[in-house]
Amino acid sequence: TKAKQWKLFQKNLDKEIELQEELHNTIHMSVERLWNITWNSICMTAKRHIRKANPKKTPHTQANKKLLPITQTQLKHQLGL
């Protein structure tokens, strides 16, 4: 009957919507992770460049040997942009 077909259609549509939402969330998380990895790599490279260019300005402490991620604003400031 039409009522049964309509219920089945709605059930399948709900399943499809759930699958699409899961896929969207997975893709979003993957892109975010990839961006974080890329940004951290950019920061580490920039910090190494800054250390090589200004060795006297960078104190050689244990804490400073760890290359911690920095914000875009901090990086721009350090690069003089």
Foldseek 3Di string as FASTA:
>chain_A
DVVVVVVVVVVVVVVVVVVVVVVVVVVVVVVVVVVVVVQLVVQVVLVVVLCVVCVPVDDDDPVSVDRDGDDPVVSCVSVVD
